Amino acid sequence: MAKIAFTLAWGVALVVTNRALQDVTWAQYVATFLLGGAYSLALGKARFLRGGNAVEKSK
């Protein structure tokens, strides 16, 4: 459930950022790339989004 809420909040942040940069296309691309990378890192690193420690689950 936390991952769904986090994804929806991140989607809203992405839409708001793109609307704020509406007339600057290159800045939209850069912001989308950076927010996408931060989202990917957050999903991989945040324990509450992974549902626990990945190492512990593999053992």
C-alpha atoms as a PDB file:
ATOM      1  CA  MET A   1       0.000   0.000   0.000  1.00  0.00           C
ATOM      2  CA  ALA A   2       2.880   2.363   0.766  1.00  0.00           C
ATOM      3  CA  LYS A   3       4.347   1.820  -2.694  1.00  0.00           C
ATOM      4  CA  ILE A   4       1.045   2.744  -4.356  1.00  0.00           C
ATOM      5  CA  ALA A   5       0.674   5.919  -2.294  1.00  0.00           C
ATOM      6  CA  PHE A   6       4.301   6.858  -2.953  1.00  0.00           C
ATOM      7  CA  THR A   7       3.863   6.306  -6.698  1.00  0.00           C
ATOM      8  CA  LEU A   8       0.716   8.434  -6.822  1.00  0.00           C
ATOM      9  CA  ALA A   9       2.393  11.242  -4.862  1.00  0.00           C
ATOM     10  CA  TRP A  10       5.428  11.062  -7.143  1.00  0.00           C
ATOM     11  CA  GLY A  11       3.167  11.226 -10.202  1.00  0.00           C
ATOM     12  CA  VAL A  12       1.532  14.374  -8.848  1.00  0.00           C
ATOM     13  CA  ALA A  13       4.970  15.901  -8.233  1.00  0.00           C
ATOM     14  CA  LEU A  14       5.984  15.086 -11.805  1.00  0.00           C
ATOM     15  CA  VAL A  15       2.824  16.637 -13.275  1.00  0.00           C
ATOM     16  CA  VAL A  16       3.201  19.778 -11.158  1.00  0.00           C
ATOM     17  CA  THR A  17       6.847  20.118 -12.169  1.00  0.00           C
ATOM     18  CA  ASN A  18       6.056  19.707 -15.862  1.00  0.00           C
ATOM     19  CA  ARG A  19       3.234  22.254 -15.655  1.00  0.00           C
ATOM     20  CA  ALA A  20       5.548  24.739 -13.935  1.00  0.00           C
ATOM     21  CA  LEU A  21       8.086  24.288 -16.746  1.00  0.00           C
ATOM     22  CA  GLN A  22       5.480  24.289 -19.513  1.00  0.00           C
ATOM     23  CA  ASP A  23       7.211  26.704 -21.896  1.00  0.00           C
ATOM     24  CA  VAL A  24      10.730  25.325 -21.445  1.00  0.00           C
ATOM     25  CA  THR A  25      10.839  21.948 -23.172  1.00  0.00           C
ATOM     26  CA  TRP A  26      14.470  21.111 -22.385  1.00  0.00           C
ATOM     27  CA  ALA A  27      13.857  21.785 -18.665  1.00  0.00           C
ATOM     28  CA  GLN A  28      10.874  19.418 -18.738  1.00  0.00           C
ATOM     29  CA  TYR A  29      13.070  16.658 -20.136  1.00  0.00           C
ATOM     30  CA  VAL A  30      15.773  17.281 -17.535  1.00  0.00           C
ATOM     31  CA  ALA A  31      13.264  17.416 -14.666  1.00  0.00           C
ATOM     32  CA  THR A  32      11.529  14.229 -15.850  1.00  0.00           C
ATOM     33  CA  PHE A  33      14.859  12.425 -16.116  1.00  0.00           C
ATOM     34  CA  LEU A  34      16.008  13.568 -12.670  1.00  0.00           C
ATOM     35  CA  LEU A  35      12.683  12.830 -10.983  1.00  0.00           C
ATOM     36  CA  GLY A  36      12.567   9.405 -12.633  1.00  0.00           C
ATOM     37  CA  GLY A  37      16.047   8.594 -11.381  1.00  0.00           C
ATOM     38  CA  ALA A  38      15.229   9.790  -7.885  1.00  0.00           C
ATOM     39  CA  TYR A  39      12.038   7.712  -7.929  1.00  0.00           C
ATOM     40  CA  SER A  40      13.965   4.619  -8.951  1.00  0.00           C
ATOM     41  CA  LEU A  41      16.548   5.150  -6.221  1.00  0.00           C
ATOM     42  CA  ALA A  42      13.837   5.791  -3.635  1.00  0.00           C
ATOM     43  CA  LEU A  43      12.068   2.546  -4.473  1.00  0.00           C
ATOM     44  CA  GLY A  44      15.320   0.622  -4.224  1.00  0.00           C
ATOM     45  CA  LYS A  45      16.614   2.208  -1.026  1.00  0.00           C
ATOM     46  CA  ALA A  46      13.562   2.977   1.133  1.00  0.00           C
ATOM     47  CA  ARG A  47      12.874   0.055   3.439  1.00  0.00           C
ATOM     48  CA  PHE A  48       9.195   0.936   3.941  1.00  0.00           C
ATOM     49  CA  LEU A  49       8.656   0.819   0.169  1.00  0.00           C
ATOM     50  CA  ARG A  50      10.449  -2.500  -0.300  1.00  0.00           C
ATOM     51  CA  GLY A  51       8.536  -4.232   2.456  1.00  0.00           C
ATOM     52  CA  GLY A  52      11.615  -5.047   4.524  1.00  0.00           C
ATOM     53  CA  ASN A  53      15.249  -5.854   3.897  1.00  0.00           C
ATOM     54  CA  ALA A  54      15.889  -7.570   0.561  1.00  0.00           C
ATOM     55  CA  VAL A  55      18.885  -9.458   1.966  1.00  0.00           C
ATOM     56  CA  GLU A  56      16.826 -10.919   4.799  1.00  0.00           C
ATOM     57  CA  LYS A  57      14.153 -12.127   2.387  1.00  0.00           C
ATOM     58  CA  SER A  58      16.638 -13.966   0.196  1.00  0.00           C
ATOM     59  CA  LYS A  59      17.986 -16.052   3.100  1.00  0.00           C
END
